[in-house]
Amino acid sequence: MGMRVDIVTLFPEMCQQVLDASIIGRAAKRGYIETHCHQIRDYTLNKQKQTDDYPYGGGCGMVLYAQPIADCLRAVRKEVAEQGRPAPHIVFLTAGGQRYTEEHARRLAQYDNLTLVCGHYEGIDERVIDAFADEELSIGDYILTGGELASLVVADSVLRLKPGVLAEQKGYEEESYWDGLLEYPQYTRPEVWEGRAVPQVLLGGDHQKIDAWRGEQSRARTRLRRPELYEEWCATHPITELPKWKRGENMRLVKTEEQMAAAARLMLEGRRAVCAQNWTPEFCARLTEEEFLARLQQEKKDGYAHYLHCTKDVPDGMVSVSHKEGRIEHLYVTEASRGRGLGVKMLDFARKKLEKHPHPVLSVLDTNARAKALYTRMGWRLTGEVEEEFDPAALPGVVHKCAMVTMRYEG
């Protein structure tokens, strides 16, 4: 027997019509799953088939009776038992439930059978929830007229994970939220539509490059659209394998005036890129190579060692370390060189230069999600220390309030 899902509702025809359609419906016809919808009104004890009444204590709206829901659930339990199945896992869809995620879907898919109870009107008499609910779920922080849509969302997201429902397991393992990230962009024919072309990497047939592109797109999309989701993903997905150094690629200690000037140009480019989110364009335009050159020269006198990353003798990244303070600063990769793992290599290189400091620190702008993600995945954690705050009310040129914060290497 396949997984069974029952929905207890005031609108069984509406729910069953959706469940009988498309992928879920075809899977049910083939015997991979079962779906059943039950009318709460069939279990009322009054002649009017009334299912609700005014709330005790006053207030707007109507509240669903406990009795018809309870009797309906007892009937479902009996049906399930007659099939030789274990007792159903009962979920009430309510506005006050825990927010539903893909993790919930995976967990619920482990049950042999699931019963979803749809709330309606102002809610459900709490006593039947206390008596029958194994858990309460909400599909989001908004209000629906009833729990039917919510129950269908849960049913669909759970049943699609069962064997035989989708054509292949990869169909859901690469989709949004499965691994904690949003899905990468998808394209189909034609190659050019209204002047918009499919990314060239997808047309070349190099699956390693395609996978790398999709991974980068997935991470970038999540970082921009769901930063809280991306932070969680970074904390649980450390970088365990460092990219290999390629021929023509090396780190060079800044010694000459020419090298110092190249570092200053990179630092200017990096500052303008980071400041673009939170400072005015006029402020960013006023930043000069000369001021960063002076700063790097002073830091060198104070004990900092500056390094350039070069690819075929062309500087495309930089990082600085202070052996005295056990500190890493100025990690930057040019935009044209991103996606090759240079940031990972340079951060690892810089940390290993500080062997006498098992827990070095670095500073990062709290709005620089890309940098924070890299540091987090490489074992760095926020300390809670704020080094400097930038407030529009106090500093001209600042558009959005932000701060320079400290991260420490924890391994």
Protein backbone atom coordinates (compact mmCIF):
# COMPACT_ATOMS: atom_id res chain seq x y z
CA MET A 1 0.00 0.00 0.00
CA GLY A 2 1.14 3.51 -0.78
CA MET A 3 0.94 6.43 1.61
CA ARG A 4 -2.58 7.53 2.50
CA VAL A 5 -3.64 11.15 3.07
CA ASP A 6 -7.06 12.07 4.46
CA ILE A 7 -8.43 15.60 4.53
CA VAL A 8 -11.17 16.54 7.00
CA THR A 9 -12.98 19.56 5.57
CA LEU A 10 -16.20 21.42 4.89
CA PHE A 11 -15.36 21.31 1.16
CA PRO A 12 -14.36 17.74 0.28
CA GLU A 13 -15.34 18.05 -3.39
CA MET A 14 -13.05 21.03 -3.86
CA CYS A 15 -10.09 19.24 -2.25
CA GLN A 16 -10.65 15.92 -4.00
CA GLN A 17 -10.91 17.60 -7.39
CA VAL A 18 -7.43 19.07 -6.92
CA LEU A 19 -5.96 15.82 -5.59
CA ASP A 20 -7.37 13.86 -8.54
CA ALA A 21 -5.67 16.13 -11.05
CA SER A 22 -2.16 16.22 -12.52
CA ILE A 23 0.79 14.36 -10.99
CA ILE A 24 -0.83 13.49 -7.64
CA GLY A 25 -3.97 12.20 -9.37
CA ARG A 26 -2.01 10.02 -11.79
CA ALA A 27 0.03 8.57 -8.93
CA ALA A 28 -3.17 7.71 -7.04
CA LYS A 29 -4.64 5.95 -10.08
CA ARG A 30 -1.49 3.86 -10.36
CA GLY A 31 -1.72 2.85 -6.71
CA TYR A 32 1.36 4.65 -5.42
CA ILE A 33 -0.69 6.77 -3.00
CA GLU A 34 -4.24 7.16 -1.65
CA THR A 35 -6.22 10.36 -1.02
CA HIS A 36 -9.58 10.67 0.72
CA CYS A 37 -11.62 13.76 1.63
CA HIS A 38 -14.27 13.72 4.38
CA GLN A 39 -17.22 16.06 4.90
CA ILE A 40 -17.37 17.38 8.47
CA ARG A 41 -21.11 18.11 8.10
CA ASP A 42 -21.82 14.39 7.77
CA TYR A 43 -20.95 14.00 11.43
CA THR A 44 -23.09 16.76 12.94
CA LEU A 45 -25.84 15.81 15.39
CA ASN A 46 -28.25 18.66 14.62
CA LYS A 47 -30.90 18.67 11.89
CA GLN A 48 -29.52 21.83 10.30
CA LYS A 49 -26.10 20.24 9.77
CA GLN A 50 -24.65 23.27 11.53
CA THR A 51 -20.91 22.99 12.17
CA ASP A 52 -20.16 26.25 13.98
CA ASP A 53 -21.33 28.67 16.64
CA TYR A 54 -20.43 31.97 18.29
CA PRO A 55 -17.23 32.03 20.36
CA TYR A 56 -17.40 32.03 24.15
CA GLY A 57 -16.21 35.37 25.49
CA GLY A 58 -17.52 37.25 22.46
CA GLY A 59 -15.75 38.41 19.37
CA CYS A 60 -16.18 38.34 15.62
CA GLY A 61 -16.71 35.25 13.51
CA MET A 62 -17.77 31.69 14.20
CA VAL A 63 -15.91 28.73 15.70
CA LEU A 64 -16.14 25.13 14.43
CA TYR A 65 -17.69 22.65 16.85
CA ALA A 66 -15.44 20.02 18.42
CA GLN A 67 -17.95 17.14 18.14
CA PRO A 68 -18.32 16.70 14.35
CA ILE A 69 -14.57 17.00 13.81
CA ALA A 70 -13.90 14.48 16.57
CA ASP A 71 -16.41 11.98 15.17
CA CYS A 72 -15.03 12.44 11.67
CA LEU A 73 -11.50 11.76 12.92
CA ARG A 74 -12.72 8.64 14.74
CA ALA A 75 -14.27 7.43 11.48
CA VAL A 76 -10.99 8.04 9.63
CA ARG A 77 -9.10 6.13 12.30
CA LYS A 78 -11.50 3.21 11.88
CA GLU A 79 -11.09 3.18 8.06
CA VAL A 80 -7.33 3.29 8.41
CA ALA A 81 -7.31 0.46 10.95
CA GLU A 82 -9.47 -1.70 8.69
CA GLN A 83 -6.78 -1.38 6.04
CA GLY A 84 -4.25 -2.73 8.49
CA ARG A 85 -2.47 0.58 8.78
CA PRO A 86 -1.13 2.24 11.95
CA ALA A 87 -3.07 5.13 13.50
CA PRO A 88 -2.89 8.30 11.38
CA HIS A 89 -0.64 11.22 12.20
CA ILE A 90 -3.13 14.05 12.65
CA VAL A 91 -2.23 17.60 11.65
CA PHE A 92 -4.49 20.62 12.19
CA LEU A 93 -3.95 23.45 9.70
CA THR A 94 -4.28 26.59 11.81
CA ALA A 95 -3.00 30.17 11.72
CA GLY A 96 -1.29 29.55 15.06
CA GLY A 97 0.64 26.49 13.92
CA GLN A 98 4.34 26.12 13.32
CA ARG A 99 5.43 27.55 9.97
CA TYR A 100 5.57 24.79 7.36
CA THR A 101 8.85 24.12 5.54
CA GLU A 102 10.41 21.49 3.32
CA GLU A 103 11.84 19.88 6.46
CA HIS A 104 8.28 19.29 7.67
CA ALA A 105 7.35 17.78 4.30
CA ARG A 106 10.25 15.32 4.47
CA ARG A 107 9.35 14.32 8.00
CA LEU A 108 5.64 13.90 7.30
CA ALA A 109 6.45 11.79 4.23
CA GLN A 110 7.87 9.15 6.59
CA TYR A 111 4.41 8.37 7.99
CA ASP A 112 2.29 5.59 6.55
CA ASN A 113 -0.78 7.82 6.63
CA LEU A 114 -1.55 11.42 7.37
CA THR A 115 -4.79 13.17 8.29
CA LEU A 116 -5.11 16.90 7.69
CA VAL A 117 -7.85 18.89 9.43
CA CYS A 118 -8.94 22.15 7.81
CA GLY A 119 -9.81 25.07 10.02
CA HIS A 120 -12.48 27.55 8.94
CA TYR A 121 -14.23 30.74 10.00
CA GLU A 122 -12.68 32.12 13.21
CA GLY A 123 -11.08 28.82 14.13
CA ILE A 124 -11.65 25.41 15.72
CA ASP A 125 -12.75 24.66 19.27
CA GLU A 126 -9.42 24.22 21.06
CA ARG A 127 -10.63 21.14 22.91
CA VAL A 128 -10.72 18.94 19.80
CA ILE A 129 -7.22 20.14 18.89
CA ASP A 130 -6.01 19.23 22.37
CA ALA A 131 -7.67 15.83 22.12
CA PHE A 132 -6.59 14.76 18.62
CA ALA A 133 -3.79 16.88 17.19
CA ASP A 134 -0.29 15.47 16.87
CA GLU A 135 0.80 18.89 15.66
CA GLU A 136 -0.46 22.18 14.23
CA LEU A 137 0.97 23.72 11.06
CA SER A 138 0.61 27.01 9.19
CA ILE A 139 1.77 27.46 5.61
CA GLY A 140 2.70 31.10 6.14
CA ASP A 141 2.24 34.36 7.97
CA TYR A 142 -1.02 35.34 6.31
CA ILE A 143 -4.71 34.52 6.75
CA LEU A 144 -6.86 32.35 4.46
CA THR A 145 -10.64 31.97 4.54
CA GLY A 146 -10.18 28.29 5.33
CA GLY A 147 -7.62 25.55 5.73
CA GLU A 148 -8.44 23.77 2.47
CA LEU A 149 -5.73 25.47 0.42
CA ALA A 150 -3.25 24.91 3.23
CA SER A 151 -4.12 21.22 3.44
CA LEU A 152 -3.67 20.84 -0.31
CA VAL A 153 -0.27 22.53 -0.10
CA VAL A 154 0.83 20.10 2.61
CA ALA A 155 -0.63 17.06 0.84
CA ASP A 156 1.02 17.92 -2.48
CA SER A 157 4.43 18.71 -0.97
CA VAL A 158 4.41 15.47 1.05
CA LEU A 159 3.00 13.08 -1.54
CA ARG A 160 5.40 14.21 -4.28
CA LEU A 161 8.24 12.82 -2.15
CA LYS A 162 6.85 9.28 -2.20
CA PRO A 163 8.31 6.69 -4.59
CA GLY A 164 6.53 6.54 -7.94
CA VAL A 165 4.88 9.95 -7.74
CA LEU A 166 7.61 11.79 -9.63
CA ALA A 167 9.41 10.24 -12.56
CA GLU A 168 12.76 10.34 -10.74
CA GLN A 169 14.08 11.28 -7.33
CA LYS A 170 16.29 13.97 -8.85
CA GLY A 171 13.07 15.77 -9.75
CA TYR A 172 12.69 16.99 -6.18
CA GLU A 173 16.25 16.83 -4.88
CA GLU A 174 17.35 19.70 -7.14
CA GLU A 175 14.38 21.93 -6.41
CA SER A 176 14.08 24.89 -4.07
CA TYR A 177 14.45 24.20 -0.34
CA TRP A 178 15.49 20.55 -0.72
CA ASP A 179 19.08 21.33 0.20
CA GLY A 180 18.22 24.58 1.94
CA LEU A 181 18.61 26.81 -1.13
CA LEU A 182 16.32 28.27 -3.74
CA GLU A 183 16.42 26.59 -7.13
CA TYR A 184 18.59 27.92 -9.95
CA PRO A 185 16.94 29.57 -13.02
CA GLN A 186 15.49 27.25 -15.66
CA TYR A 187 15.34 27.71 -19.46
CA THR A 188 13.86 25.88 -22.46
CA ARG A 189 13.46 26.46 -26.20
CA PRO A 190 13.91 28.71 -28.09
CA GLU A 191 17.51 29.71 -27.41
CA VAL A 192 16.63 33.37 -27.94
CA TRP A 193 13.22 34.75 -26.95
CA GLU A 194 12.38 38.41 -27.58
CA GLY A 195 16.07 39.26 -27.56
CA ARG A 196 16.81 37.33 -24.34
CA ALA A 197 19.28 34.48 -24.78
CA VAL A 198 19.76 31.32 -22.75
CA PRO A 199 23.05 31.51 -20.77
CA GLN A 200 25.81 30.12 -22.98
CA VAL A 201 27.08 27.72 -20.33
CA LEU A 202 23.83 25.72 -20.57
CA LEU A 203 24.32 25.15 -24.29
CA GLY A 204 27.89 23.84 -24.22
CA GLY A 205 27.23 20.33 -22.92
CA ASP A 206 29.93 20.53 -20.21
CA HIS A 207 27.98 19.13 -17.24
CA GLN A 208 30.68 20.03 -14.73
CA LYS A 209 30.47 23.68 -15.77
CA ILE A 210 26.67 23.50 -15.84
CA ASP A 211 26.56 22.11 -12.29
CA ALA A 212 28.97 24.81 -11.11
CA TRP A 213 26.86 27.53 -12.76
CA ARG A 214 23.65 26.19 -11.28
CA GLY A 215 25.21 26.00 -7.83
CA GLU A 216 26.43 29.58 -8.02
CA GLN A 217 23.05 30.80 -9.31
CA SER A 218 21.23 28.93 -6.55
CA ARG A 219 23.44 30.41 -3.85
CA ALA A 220 23.24 33.92 -5.31
CA ARG A 221 19.45 33.78 -5.64
CA THR A 222 19.04 32.58 -2.06
CA ARG A 223 21.49 35.16 -0.73
CA LEU A 224 19.57 38.00 -2.39
CA ARG A 225 15.99 36.82 -1.90
CA ARG A 226 16.12 34.83 1.33
CA PRO A 227 19.15 35.98 3.36
CA GLU A 228 17.95 34.24 6.52
CA LEU A 229 17.69 30.95 4.61
CA TYR A 230 21.14 31.48 3.15
CA GLU A 231 22.67 32.10 6.58
CA GLU A 232 21.23 28.83 7.84
CA TRP A 233 22.55 27.00 4.79
CA CYS A 234 26.06 28.43 5.18
CA ALA A 235 26.21 27.41 8.82
CA THR A 236 25.41 23.79 7.93
CA HIS A 237 27.38 23.48 4.69
CA PRO A 238 31.06 24.07 5.42
CA ILE A 239 33.59 24.12 2.61
CA THR A 240 35.49 20.88 3.20
CA GLU A 241 37.44 20.64 -0.04
CA LEU A 242 39.55 23.58 -1.13
CA PRO A 243 39.86 24.35 -4.85
CA LYS A 244 43.23 23.45 -6.34
CA TRP A 245 45.77 26.07 -7.25
CA LYS A 246 46.16 26.27 -11.01
CA ARG A 247 49.22 26.80 -13.15
CA GLY A 248 50.06 30.47 -13.46
CA GLU A 249 48.24 31.29 -10.20
CA ASN A 250 50.17 32.43 -7.09
CA MET A 251 50.30 34.72 -4.07
CA ARG A 252 52.91 37.46 -3.97
CA LEU A 253 54.05 39.46 -0.98
CA VAL A 254 53.77 43.17 -1.77
CA LYS A 255 57.30 44.58 -1.78
CA THR A 256 57.66 47.06 -4.63
CA GLU A 257 55.97 50.39 -5.27
CA GLU A 258 54.34 48.88 -8.36
CA GLN A 259 52.86 46.05 -6.30
CA MET A 260 51.67 48.49 -3.62
CA ALA A 261 49.96 50.59 -6.29
CA ALA A 262 48.25 47.47 -7.68
CA ALA A 263 47.03 46.61 -4.17
CA ALA A 264 45.68 50.15 -3.74
CA ARG A 265 43.76 49.88 -7.04
CA LEU A 266 42.24 46.59 -5.93
CA MET A 267 41.34 48.04 -2.53
CA LEU A 268 39.64 51.01 -4.20
CA GLU A 269 37.65 48.69 -6.48
CA GLY A 270 36.68 46.55 -3.50
CA ARG A 271 35.59 49.46 -1.33
CA ARG A 272 33.46 50.95 -4.08
CA ALA A 273 31.79 47.58 -4.65
CA VAL A 274 31.04 47.06 -0.95
CA CYS A 275 29.97 50.66 -0.31
CA ALA A 276 27.60 50.79 -3.29
CA GLN A 277 24.75 49.31 -1.22
CA ASN A 278 24.98 51.69 1.73
CA TRP A 279 26.68 54.89 0.58
CA THR A 280 25.73 57.46 -2.04
CA PRO A 281 27.25 57.25 -5.54
CA GLU A 282 28.87 60.62 -4.88
CA PHE A 283 30.63 59.26 -1.79
CA CYS A 284 31.87 56.20 -3.69
CA ALA A 285 33.12 58.39 -6.54
CA ARG A 286 35.17 60.48 -4.10
CA LEU A 287 37.17 57.45 -2.93
CA THR A 288 40.64 57.58 -4.45
CA GLU A 289 43.54 55.26 -5.11
CA GLU A 290 45.85 57.70 -3.32
CA GLU A 291 44.06 57.47 0.03
CA PHE A 292 44.13 53.67 -0.04
CA LEU A 293 47.77 53.67 -1.07
CA ALA A 294 48.57 55.83 1.96
CA ARG A 295 46.55 53.52 4.20
CA LEU A 296 48.27 50.36 2.94
CA GLN A 297 51.69 51.98 3.38
CA GLN A 298 50.86 52.95 6.96
CA GLU A 299 49.54 49.47 7.71
CA LYS A 300 52.77 48.00 6.38
CA LYS A 301 54.70 50.18 8.83
CA ASP A 302 52.37 48.94 11.58
CA GLY A 303 53.24 45.33 10.79
CA TYR A 304 50.72 44.25 8.16
CA ALA A 305 51.85 42.08 5.27
CA HIS A 306 49.91 42.64 2.04
CA TYR A 307 49.58 39.93 -0.59
CA LEU A 308 48.44 39.99 -4.20
CA HIS A 309 46.83 37.06 -5.91
CA CYS A 310 48.05 36.92 -9.50
CA THR A 311 46.88 34.88 -12.45
CA LYS A 312 49.48 34.85 -15.20
CA ASP A 313 51.15 37.89 -13.60
CA VAL A 314 47.91 39.90 -13.50
CA PRO A 315 46.74 40.94 -9.99
CA ASP A 316 43.12 39.86 -9.49
CA GLY A 317 42.83 39.62 -5.71
CA MET A 318 44.40 40.75 -2.46
CA VAL A 319 44.50 40.03 1.25
CA SER A 320 46.39 41.46 4.23
CA VAL A 321 47.49 39.85 7.50
CA SER A 322 48.76 41.20 10.79
CA HIS A 323 51.02 38.73 12.58
CA LYS A 324 51.04 41.05 15.58
CA GLU A 325 47.27 41.22 15.99
CA GLY A 326 46.32 37.87 14.48
CA ARG A 327 44.08 39.65 12.03
CA ILE A 328 43.09 39.32 8.36
CA GLU A 329 41.85 42.30 6.34
CA HIS A 330 41.17 43.54 2.80
CA LEU A 331 40.20 40.20 1.24
CA TYR A 332 38.97 41.06 -2.23
CA VAL A 333 38.57 39.33 -5.60
CA THR A 334 37.91 41.32 -8.77
CA GLU A 335 34.45 40.86 -10.25
CA ALA A 336 35.90 39.33 -13.43
CA SER A 337 37.71 36.65 -11.42
CA ARG A 338 34.85 35.54 -9.17
CA GLY A 339 33.50 32.02 -9.35
CA ARG A 340 36.95 30.41 -9.49
CA GLY A 341 37.44 29.86 -5.76
CA LEU A 342 40.00 32.64 -5.34
CA GLY A 343 38.40 33.97 -2.17
CA VAL A 344 38.51 30.51 -0.59
CA LYS A 345 42.16 30.04 -1.53
CA MET A 346 43.25 33.47 -0.29
CA LEU A 347 41.38 33.20 3.01
CA ASP A 348 42.92 29.79 3.66
CA PHE A 349 46.34 31.13 2.65
CA ALA A 350 46.04 34.14 4.99
CA ARG A 351 44.84 32.07 7.96
CA LYS A 352 47.74 29.64 7.56
CA LYS A 353 50.13 32.60 7.63
CA LEU A 354 48.95 33.19 11.20
CA GLU A 355 50.02 29.86 12.67
CA LYS A 356 50.70 31.43 16.08
CA HIS A 357 47.10 32.60 16.25
CA PRO A 358 44.70 29.61 16.40
CA HIS A 359 41.68 31.94 16.40
CA PRO A 360 42.46 34.91 14.15
CA VAL A 361 39.84 37.58 13.55
CA LEU A 362 38.68 39.68 10.63
CA SER A 363 36.18 42.46 10.09
CA VAL A 364 33.32 42.52 7.61
CA LEU A 365 30.47 44.89 6.81
CA ASP A 366 27.31 43.35 8.24
CA THR A 367 25.45 43.89 4.96
CA ASN A 368 28.11 42.09 2.89
CA ALA A 369 26.21 38.81 2.69
CA ARG A 370 28.53 37.29 0.10
CA ALA A 371 31.63 37.75 2.27
CA LYS A 372 29.90 36.65 5.47
CA ALA A 373 28.71 33.51 3.71
CA LEU A 374 32.23 32.61 2.58
CA TYR A 375 33.69 33.21 6.03
CA THR A 376 30.94 31.23 7.73
CA ARG A 377 31.41 28.24 5.42
CA MET A 378 35.13 28.30 6.16
CA GLY A 379 34.72 28.13 9.91
CA TRP A 380 34.47 31.78 10.93
CA ARG A 381 31.75 32.93 13.32
CA LEU A 382 30.40 36.33 14.33
CA THR A 383 31.61 37.37 17.77
CA GLY A 384 28.87 39.91 18.44
CA GLU A 385 31.44 42.71 18.52
CA VAL A 386 30.67 45.87 16.55
CA GLU A 387 33.85 47.70 15.51
CA GLU A 388 32.26 50.72 13.86
CA GLU A 389 28.73 51.89 13.05
CA PHE A 390 27.67 53.92 10.04
CA ASP A 391 24.45 55.86 10.66
CA PRO A 392 22.83 58.11 8.00
CA ALA A 393 21.74 60.45 10.78
CA ALA A 394 25.32 61.05 11.85
CA LEU A 395 27.43 60.52 8.74
CA PRO A 396 26.91 62.29 5.41
CA GLY A 397 27.04 59.97 2.43
CA VAL A 398 25.59 56.99 4.29
CA VAL A 399 22.26 55.83 2.89
CA HIS A 400 21.51 52.71 4.93
CA LYS A 401 22.59 52.04 8.49
CA CYS A 402 25.26 49.36 8.69
CA ALA A 403 28.22 48.33 10.81
CA MET A 404 31.64 46.75 10.66
CA VAL A 405 31.51 43.57 12.73
CA THR A 406 34.08 41.02 13.88
CA MET A 407 34.31 37.33 12.97
CA ARG A 408 36.64 34.82 14.64
CA TYR A 409 37.98 31.58 13.19
CA GLU A 410 36.59 28.62 15.15
CA GLY A 411 37.55 25.84 12.73
